[in-house]
């Protein structure tokens, strides 16, 4: 385990000091339920942990975290995620965090080219550090 989820939860906890814009809606879309989601949700009731995105909540004050969704990217079962990252995020003005195990999959090329910042556990790949 490399601590990706722990890092994201820390960012969510401190989002008011780390993110310039006001975030009033946080959706954490996960692939596998983890006990730490329940613990975090009890202390941060404004963060919704779910298996599916609530499209009705798409607005400029939203933050969406896609964690462990690589299977959906690679099989194109969830074209919404690719569309979200490449189009909706930009046009709506909301924020998006992708948590990936492998950012170099050929199916992720379009998403990778649309990414503003990258955080990696490999120091040679850092383009942004929080």
N, C-alpha and C. Protein backbone atom coordinates (compact mmCIF):
# COMPACT_ATOMS: atom_id res chain seq x y z
N UNK A 1 0.84 -1.18 0.00
CA UNK A 1 0.00 0.00 0.00
C UNK A 1 0.88 1.24 0.00
N UNK A 2 0.56 2.15 -0.87
CA UNK A 2 1.41 3.34 -1.01
C UNK A 2 0.84 4.56 -0.31
N UNK A 3 -0.38 4.49 0.21
CA UNK A 3 -0.94 5.61 0.96
C UNK A 3 -1.72 6.61 0.13
N UNK A 4 -2.13 6.24 -1.08
CA UNK A 4 -2.86 7.17 -1.95
C UNK A 4 -4.16 7.63 -1.31
N UNK A 5 -4.93 6.67 -0.79
CA UNK A 5 -6.22 7.03 -0.18
C UNK A 5 -6.00 7.89 1.06
N UNK A 6 -5.00 7.57 1.86
CA UNK A 6 -4.69 8.37 3.05
C UNK A 6 -4.35 9.80 2.66
N UNK A 7 -3.55 9.97 1.60
CA UNK A 7 -3.20 11.31 1.12
C UNK A 7 -4.45 12.07 0.68
N UNK A 8 -5.32 11.42 -0.08
CA UNK A 8 -6.54 12.09 -0.57
C UNK A 8 -7.44 12.48 0.59
N UNK A 9 -7.60 11.60 1.57
CA UNK A 9 -8.43 11.94 2.73
C UNK A 9 -7.86 13.13 3.50
N UNK A 10 -6.54 13.22 3.58
CA UNK A 10 -5.91 14.37 4.24
C UNK A 10 -6.15 15.65 3.43
N UNK A 11 -6.09 15.56 2.12
CA UNK A 11 -6.39 16.71 1.27
C UNK A 11 -7.84 17.15 1.47
N UNK A 12 -8.76 16.18 1.52
CA UNK A 12 -10.18 16.51 1.73
C UNK A 12 -10.39 17.16 3.10
N UNK A 13 -9.72 16.67 4.11
CA UNK A 13 -9.86 17.23 5.45
C UNK A 13 -9.36 18.68 5.49
N UNK A 14 -8.31 18.97 4.74
CA UNK A 14 -7.69 20.30 4.75
C UNK A 14 -8.01 21.10 3.50
N UNK A 15 -9.06 20.75 2.79
CA UNK A 15 -9.34 21.37 1.49
C UNK A 15 -9.55 22.87 1.57
N UNK A 16 -10.07 23.39 2.67
CA UNK A 16 -10.30 24.83 2.76
C UNK A 16 -8.99 25.62 2.80
N UNK A 17 -7.93 24.99 3.28
CA UNK A 17 -6.63 25.67 3.28
C UNK A 17 -5.79 25.35 2.05
N UNK A 18 -6.08 24.24 1.37
CA UNK A 18 -5.29 23.82 0.21
C UNK A 18 -5.87 24.23 -1.14
N UNK A 19 -7.19 24.40 -1.19
CA UNK A 19 -7.86 24.70 -2.46
C UNK A 19 -8.40 26.12 -2.40
N UNK A 20 -8.12 26.90 -3.43
CA UNK A 20 -8.48 28.32 -3.45
C UNK A 20 -9.99 28.57 -3.50
N UNK A 21 -10.73 27.71 -4.16
CA UNK A 21 -12.17 27.95 -4.30
C UNK A 21 -12.95 27.22 -3.21
N UNK A 22 -14.15 27.70 -2.97
CA UNK A 22 -15.01 27.09 -1.95
C UNK A 22 -15.62 25.81 -2.51
N UNK A 23 -15.45 24.74 -1.77
CA UNK A 23 -15.99 23.42 -2.15
C UNK A 23 -17.11 23.09 -1.17
N UNK A 24 -18.34 22.99 -1.69
CA UNK A 24 -19.48 22.69 -0.81
C UNK A 24 -20.01 21.28 -1.01
N UNK A 25 -19.59 20.61 -2.07
CA UNK A 25 -20.07 19.27 -2.37
C UNK A 25 -18.87 18.39 -2.70
N UNK A 26 -18.65 17.33 -1.91
CA UNK A 26 -17.57 16.40 -2.16
C UNK A 26 -18.16 15.01 -2.34
N UNK A 27 -17.86 14.41 -3.48
CA UNK A 27 -18.25 13.02 -3.73
C UNK A 27 -17.00 12.20 -3.93
N UNK A 28 -16.88 11.13 -3.17
CA UNK A 28 -15.74 10.22 -3.27
C UNK A 28 -16.27 8.93 -3.88
N UNK A 29 -15.97 8.71 -5.15
CA UNK A 29 -16.47 7.54 -5.87
C UNK A 29 -15.38 6.48 -5.81
N UNK A 30 -15.67 5.35 -5.18
CA UNK A 30 -14.66 4.33 -4.94
C UNK A 30 -15.02 3.02 -5.63
N UNK A 31 -14.02 2.17 -5.77
CA UNK A 31 -14.23 0.85 -6.35
C UNK A 31 -14.43 -0.21 -5.29
N UNK A 32 -13.76 -0.05 -4.15
CA UNK A 32 -13.85 -1.01 -3.04
C UNK A 32 -14.04 -0.24 -1.74
N UNK A 33 -15.07 -0.61 -0.98
CA UNK A 33 -15.34 0.01 0.32
C UNK A 33 -14.18 -0.24 1.28
N UNK A 34 -13.79 0.78 2.03
CA UNK A 34 -12.74 0.66 3.04
C UNK A 34 -13.26 1.19 4.36
N UNK A 35 -12.81 0.61 5.46
CA UNK A 35 -13.24 1.03 6.79
C UNK A 35 -12.94 2.51 7.04
N UNK A 36 -11.82 2.99 6.48
CA UNK A 36 -11.45 4.39 6.70
C UNK A 36 -12.46 5.36 6.10
N UNK A 37 -13.25 4.92 5.10
CA UNK A 37 -14.30 5.78 4.54
C UNK A 37 -15.38 6.03 5.59
N UNK A 38 -15.77 4.98 6.29
CA UNK A 38 -16.81 5.12 7.32
C UNK A 38 -16.32 6.03 8.45
N UNK A 39 -15.09 5.84 8.89
CA UNK A 39 -14.51 6.68 9.94
C UNK A 39 -14.45 8.14 9.50
N UNK A 40 -13.94 8.37 8.30
CA UNK A 40 -13.81 9.73 7.79
C UNK A 40 -15.18 10.38 7.62
N UNK A 41 -16.15 9.62 7.10
CA UNK A 41 -17.51 10.13 6.90
C UNK A 41 -18.18 10.56 8.18
N UNK A 42 -17.89 9.88 9.29
CA UNK A 42 -18.47 10.26 10.58
C UNK A 42 -17.97 11.62 11.03
N UNK A 43 -16.72 11.93 10.74
CA UNK A 43 -16.13 13.20 11.15
C UNK A 43 -16.30 14.31 10.11
N UNK A 44 -16.66 13.92 8.89
CA UNK A 44 -16.79 14.89 7.79
C UNK A 44 -18.07 14.58 7.02
N UNK A 45 -19.19 14.98 7.57
CA UNK A 45 -20.49 14.60 7.01
C UNK A 45 -20.77 15.23 5.63
N UNK A 46 -19.97 16.21 5.24
CA UNK A 46 -20.17 16.84 3.94
C UNK A 46 -19.50 16.07 2.79
N UNK A 47 -18.78 14.99 3.12
CA UNK A 47 -18.14 14.15 2.11
C UNK A 47 -19.00 12.90 1.93
N UNK A 48 -19.46 12.67 0.70
CA UNK A 48 -20.31 11.52 0.39
C UNK A 48 -19.47 10.44 -0.28
N UNK A 49 -19.40 9.26 0.33
CA UNK A 49 -18.70 8.11 -0.24
C UNK A 49 -19.74 7.25 -0.96
N UNK A 50 -19.45 6.94 -2.23
CA UNK A 50 -20.45 6.25 -3.04
C UNK A 50 -19.78 5.42 -4.13
N UNK A 51 -20.52 4.45 -4.65
CA UNK A 51 -20.05 3.65 -5.77
C UNK A 51 -20.36 4.31 -7.11
N UNK A 52 -21.29 5.27 -7.11
CA UNK A 52 -21.73 5.91 -8.36
C UNK A 52 -21.88 7.41 -8.15
N UNK A 53 -21.45 8.16 -9.13
CA UNK A 53 -21.52 9.62 -9.04
C UNK A 53 -22.97 10.10 -9.09
N UNK A 54 -23.25 11.15 -8.32
CA UNK A 54 -24.56 11.79 -8.35
C UNK A 54 -24.46 12.97 -9.32
N UNK A 55 -24.88 12.74 -10.56
CA UNK A 55 -24.73 13.75 -11.60
C UNK A 55 -25.53 15.03 -11.32
N UNK A 56 -26.54 14.92 -10.47
CA UNK A 56 -27.34 16.10 -10.14
C UNK A 56 -26.53 17.12 -9.34
N UNK A 57 -25.42 16.68 -8.76
CA UNK A 57 -24.60 17.56 -7.93
C UNK A 57 -23.46 18.23 -8.70
N UNK A 58 -23.45 18.11 -10.01
CA UNK A 58 -22.40 18.73 -10.81
C UNK A 58 -22.56 20.25 -10.82
N UNK A 59 -21.64 20.93 -10.18
CA UNK A 59 -21.63 22.39 -10.23
C UNK A 59 -20.23 22.90 -9.89
N UNK A 60 -20.03 24.18 -9.98
CA UNK A 60 -18.69 24.75 -9.82
C UNK A 60 -18.14 24.64 -8.40
N UNK A 61 -18.96 24.31 -7.42
CA UNK A 61 -18.46 24.16 -6.05
C UNK A 61 -18.31 22.69 -5.66
N UNK A 62 -18.24 21.82 -6.67
CA UNK A 62 -18.13 20.38 -6.42
C UNK A 62 -16.69 19.89 -6.57
N UNK A 63 -16.36 18.88 -5.78
CA UNK A 63 -15.09 18.17 -5.88
C UNK A 63 -15.41 16.69 -5.96
N UNK A 64 -14.89 16.04 -7.00
CA UNK A 64 -15.13 14.62 -7.20
C UNK A 64 -13.81 13.87 -7.14
N UNK A 65 -13.79 12.81 -6.36
CA UNK A 65 -12.62 11.94 -6.26
C UNK A 65 -13.01 10.60 -6.88
N UNK A 66 -12.26 10.17 -7.88
CA UNK A 66 -12.46 8.86 -8.50
C UNK A 66 -11.31 7.97 -8.04
N UNK A 67 -11.60 7.05 -7.15
CA UNK A 67 -10.58 6.18 -6.56
C UNK A 67 -10.81 4.74 -7.01
N UNK A 68 -9.77 4.14 -7.55
CA UNK A 68 -9.81 2.74 -7.96
C UNK A 68 -10.85 2.50 -9.06
N UNK A 69 -10.86 3.39 -10.04
CA UNK A 69 -11.80 3.29 -11.16
C UNK A 69 -11.10 2.90 -12.46
N UNK A 70 -9.87 2.40 -12.38
CA UNK A 70 -9.10 2.08 -13.58
C UNK A 70 -9.77 1.03 -14.44
N UNK A 71 -10.44 0.06 -13.83
CA UNK A 71 -11.13 -0.98 -14.61
C UNK A 71 -12.19 -0.35 -15.50
N UNK A 72 -12.92 0.62 -14.97
CA UNK A 72 -13.94 1.31 -15.76
C UNK A 72 -13.31 2.08 -16.92
N UNK A 73 -12.16 2.71 -16.68
CA UNK A 73 -11.47 3.40 -17.76
C UNK A 73 -11.05 2.44 -18.86
N UNK A 74 -10.41 1.35 -18.45
CA UNK A 74 -9.82 0.43 -19.42
C UNK A 74 -10.86 -0.36 -20.21
N UNK A 75 -12.01 -0.63 -19.61
CA UNK A 75 -13.02 -1.40 -20.32
C UNK A 75 -14.07 -0.51 -20.98
N UNK A 76 -13.95 0.78 -20.76
CA UNK A 76 -14.90 1.76 -21.30
C UNK A 76 -16.32 1.51 -20.80
N UNK A 77 -16.46 0.80 -19.66
CA UNK A 77 -17.79 0.64 -19.08
C UNK A 77 -18.31 1.98 -18.58
N UNK A 78 -17.39 2.82 -18.15
CA UNK A 78 -17.80 4.09 -17.60
C UNK A 78 -17.20 5.23 -18.42
N UNK A 79 -17.78 5.50 -19.57
CA UNK A 79 -17.30 6.59 -20.42
C UNK A 79 -17.54 7.93 -19.74
N UNK A 80 -18.44 7.94 -18.75
CA UNK A 80 -18.72 9.17 -18.04
C UNK A 80 -17.47 9.73 -17.38
N UNK A 81 -16.64 8.87 -16.80
CA UNK A 81 -15.44 9.36 -16.11
C UNK A 81 -14.52 10.06 -17.10
N UNK A 82 -14.27 9.44 -18.25
CA UNK A 82 -13.42 10.07 -19.27
C UNK A 82 -14.04 11.38 -19.74
N UNK A 83 -15.33 11.37 -20.00
CA UNK A 83 -16.03 12.59 -20.43
C UNK A 83 -15.96 13.65 -19.33
N UNK A 84 -16.10 13.21 -18.09
CA UNK A 84 -16.04 14.14 -16.96
C UNK A 84 -14.69 14.83 -16.91
N UNK A 85 -13.62 14.06 -16.97
CA UNK A 85 -12.27 14.61 -16.84
C UNK A 85 -11.89 15.46 -18.03
N UNK A 86 -12.31 15.09 -19.22
CA UNK A 86 -11.89 15.81 -20.43
C UNK A 86 -12.80 16.97 -20.81
N UNK A 87 -14.06 16.93 -20.41
CA UNK A 87 -15.01 17.98 -20.82
C UNK A 87 -15.70 18.68 -19.66
N UNK A 88 -16.43 17.91 -18.88
CA UNK A 88 -17.30 18.50 -17.86
C UNK A 88 -16.53 19.29 -16.81
N UNK A 89 -15.42 18.74 -16.35
CA UNK A 89 -14.64 19.44 -15.33
C UNK A 89 -14.27 20.84 -15.80
N UNK A 90 -13.83 20.95 -17.03
CA UNK A 90 -13.42 22.24 -17.59
C UNK A 90 -14.61 23.19 -17.77
N UNK A 91 -15.70 22.70 -18.35
CA UNK A 91 -16.83 23.56 -18.69
C UNK A 91 -17.69 23.91 -17.48
N UNK A 92 -17.81 23.01 -16.53
CA UNK A 92 -18.61 23.29 -15.34
C UNK A 92 -17.79 24.06 -14.31
N UNK A 93 -16.49 23.80 -14.27
CA UNK A 93 -15.63 24.49 -13.32
C UNK A 93 -15.48 23.78 -12.00
N UNK A 94 -15.85 22.51 -11.95
CA UNK A 94 -15.70 21.75 -10.71
C UNK A 94 -14.29 21.17 -10.64
N UNK A 95 -13.96 20.53 -9.54
CA UNK A 95 -12.64 19.93 -9.34
C UNK A 95 -12.74 18.42 -9.39
N UNK A 96 -11.66 17.79 -9.82
CA UNK A 96 -11.64 16.34 -9.95
C UNK A 96 -10.27 15.82 -9.53
N UNK A 97 -10.28 14.75 -8.74
CA UNK A 97 -9.05 14.06 -8.36
C UNK A 97 -9.19 12.61 -8.81
N UNK A 98 -8.22 12.15 -9.58
CA UNK A 98 -8.18 10.75 -10.01
C UNK A 98 -7.10 10.05 -9.20
N UNK A 99 -7.43 8.93 -8.60
CA UNK A 99 -6.46 8.12 -7.87
C UNK A 99 -6.22 6.88 -8.72
N UNK A 100 -5.00 6.76 -9.25
CA UNK A 100 -4.68 5.68 -10.19
C UNK A 100 -3.48 4.88 -9.71
N UNK A 101 -3.48 3.61 -10.05
CA UNK A 101 -2.32 2.77 -9.79
C UNK A 101 -1.31 2.89 -10.93
N UNK A 102 -1.81 3.09 -12.15
CA UNK A 102 -0.96 3.18 -13.32
C UNK A 102 -1.49 4.28 -14.24
N UNK A 103 -0.84 5.41 -14.22
CA UNK A 103 -1.27 6.55 -15.04
C UNK A 103 -0.78 6.45 -16.47
N UNK A 104 -0.06 5.37 -16.80
CA UNK A 104 0.53 5.25 -18.13
C UNK A 104 -0.16 4.22 -19.00
N UNK A 105 -1.34 3.80 -18.61
CA UNK A 105 -2.12 2.87 -19.43
C UNK A 105 -2.47 3.57 -20.75
N UNK A 106 -2.37 2.87 -21.88
CA UNK A 106 -2.72 3.50 -23.17
C UNK A 106 -4.15 4.04 -23.20
N UNK A 107 -5.06 3.42 -22.48
CA UNK A 107 -6.45 3.87 -22.47
C UNK A 107 -6.62 5.19 -21.71
N UNK A 108 -5.59 5.58 -20.96
CA UNK A 108 -5.67 6.82 -20.17
C UNK A 108 -4.96 7.99 -20.84
N UNK A 109 -4.52 7.84 -22.05
CA UNK A 109 -3.79 8.90 -22.74
C UNK A 109 -4.57 10.20 -22.79
N UNK A 110 -5.83 10.14 -23.20
CA UNK A 110 -6.65 11.34 -23.29
C UNK A 110 -6.80 12.00 -21.92
N UNK A 111 -7.03 11.20 -20.91
CA UNK A 111 -7.17 11.72 -19.55
C UNK A 111 -5.85 12.34 -19.09
N UNK A 112 -4.74 11.65 -19.34
CA UNK A 112 -3.43 12.16 -18.93
C UNK A 112 -3.11 13.50 -19.58
N UNK A 113 -3.48 13.66 -20.84
CA UNK A 113 -3.23 14.91 -21.53
C UNK A 113 -4.11 16.05 -21.02
N UNK A 114 -5.23 15.71 -20.40
CA UNK A 114 -6.16 16.72 -19.87
C UNK A 114 -5.88 17.07 -18.41
N UNK A 115 -4.90 16.42 -17.82
CA UNK A 115 -4.60 16.61 -16.40
C UNK A 115 -3.81 17.89 -16.19
N UNK A 116 -4.21 18.66 -15.17
CA UNK A 116 -3.50 19.90 -14.86
C UNK A 116 -2.29 19.67 -13.96
N UNK A 117 -2.45 18.80 -12.98
CA UNK A 117 -1.39 18.55 -12.00
C UNK A 117 -1.27 17.05 -11.77
N UNK A 118 -0.05 16.61 -11.43
CA UNK A 118 0.19 15.21 -11.11
C UNK A 118 0.92 15.12 -9.79
N UNK A 119 0.54 14.18 -8.98
CA UNK A 119 1.25 13.89 -7.74
C UNK A 119 1.59 12.41 -7.81
N UNK A 120 2.85 12.10 -7.59
CA UNK A 120 3.31 10.72 -7.68
C UNK A 120 4.16 10.39 -6.48
N UNK A 121 4.18 9.11 -6.12
CA UNK A 121 5.08 8.70 -5.03
C UNK A 121 6.51 8.62 -5.53
N UNK A 122 6.70 8.63 -6.84
CA UNK A 122 8.01 8.61 -7.46
C UNK A 122 8.48 10.06 -7.63
N UNK A 123 9.49 10.47 -6.90
CA UNK A 123 9.94 11.86 -6.92
C UNK A 123 10.28 12.37 -8.31
N UNK A 124 10.70 11.49 -9.20
CA UNK A 124 11.06 11.93 -10.55
C UNK A 124 9.84 12.37 -11.35
N UNK A 125 8.63 12.00 -10.91
CA UNK A 125 7.43 12.33 -11.67
C UNK A 125 6.65 13.50 -11.11
N UNK A 126 7.15 14.11 -10.03
CA UNK A 126 6.40 15.21 -9.43
C UNK A 126 6.29 16.40 -10.37
N UNK A 127 5.06 16.85 -10.61
CA UNK A 127 4.87 18.13 -11.28
C UNK A 127 4.17 19.08 -10.34
N UNK A 128 3.66 18.54 -9.24
CA UNK A 128 2.95 19.35 -8.26
C UNK A 128 3.14 18.69 -6.90
N UNK A 129 3.28 19.47 -5.90
CA UNK A 129 3.39 18.90 -4.55
C UNK A 129 2.49 19.68 -3.63
N UNK A 130 1.61 18.96 -2.90
CA UNK A 130 0.69 19.63 -1.97
C UNK A 130 1.30 19.75 -0.61
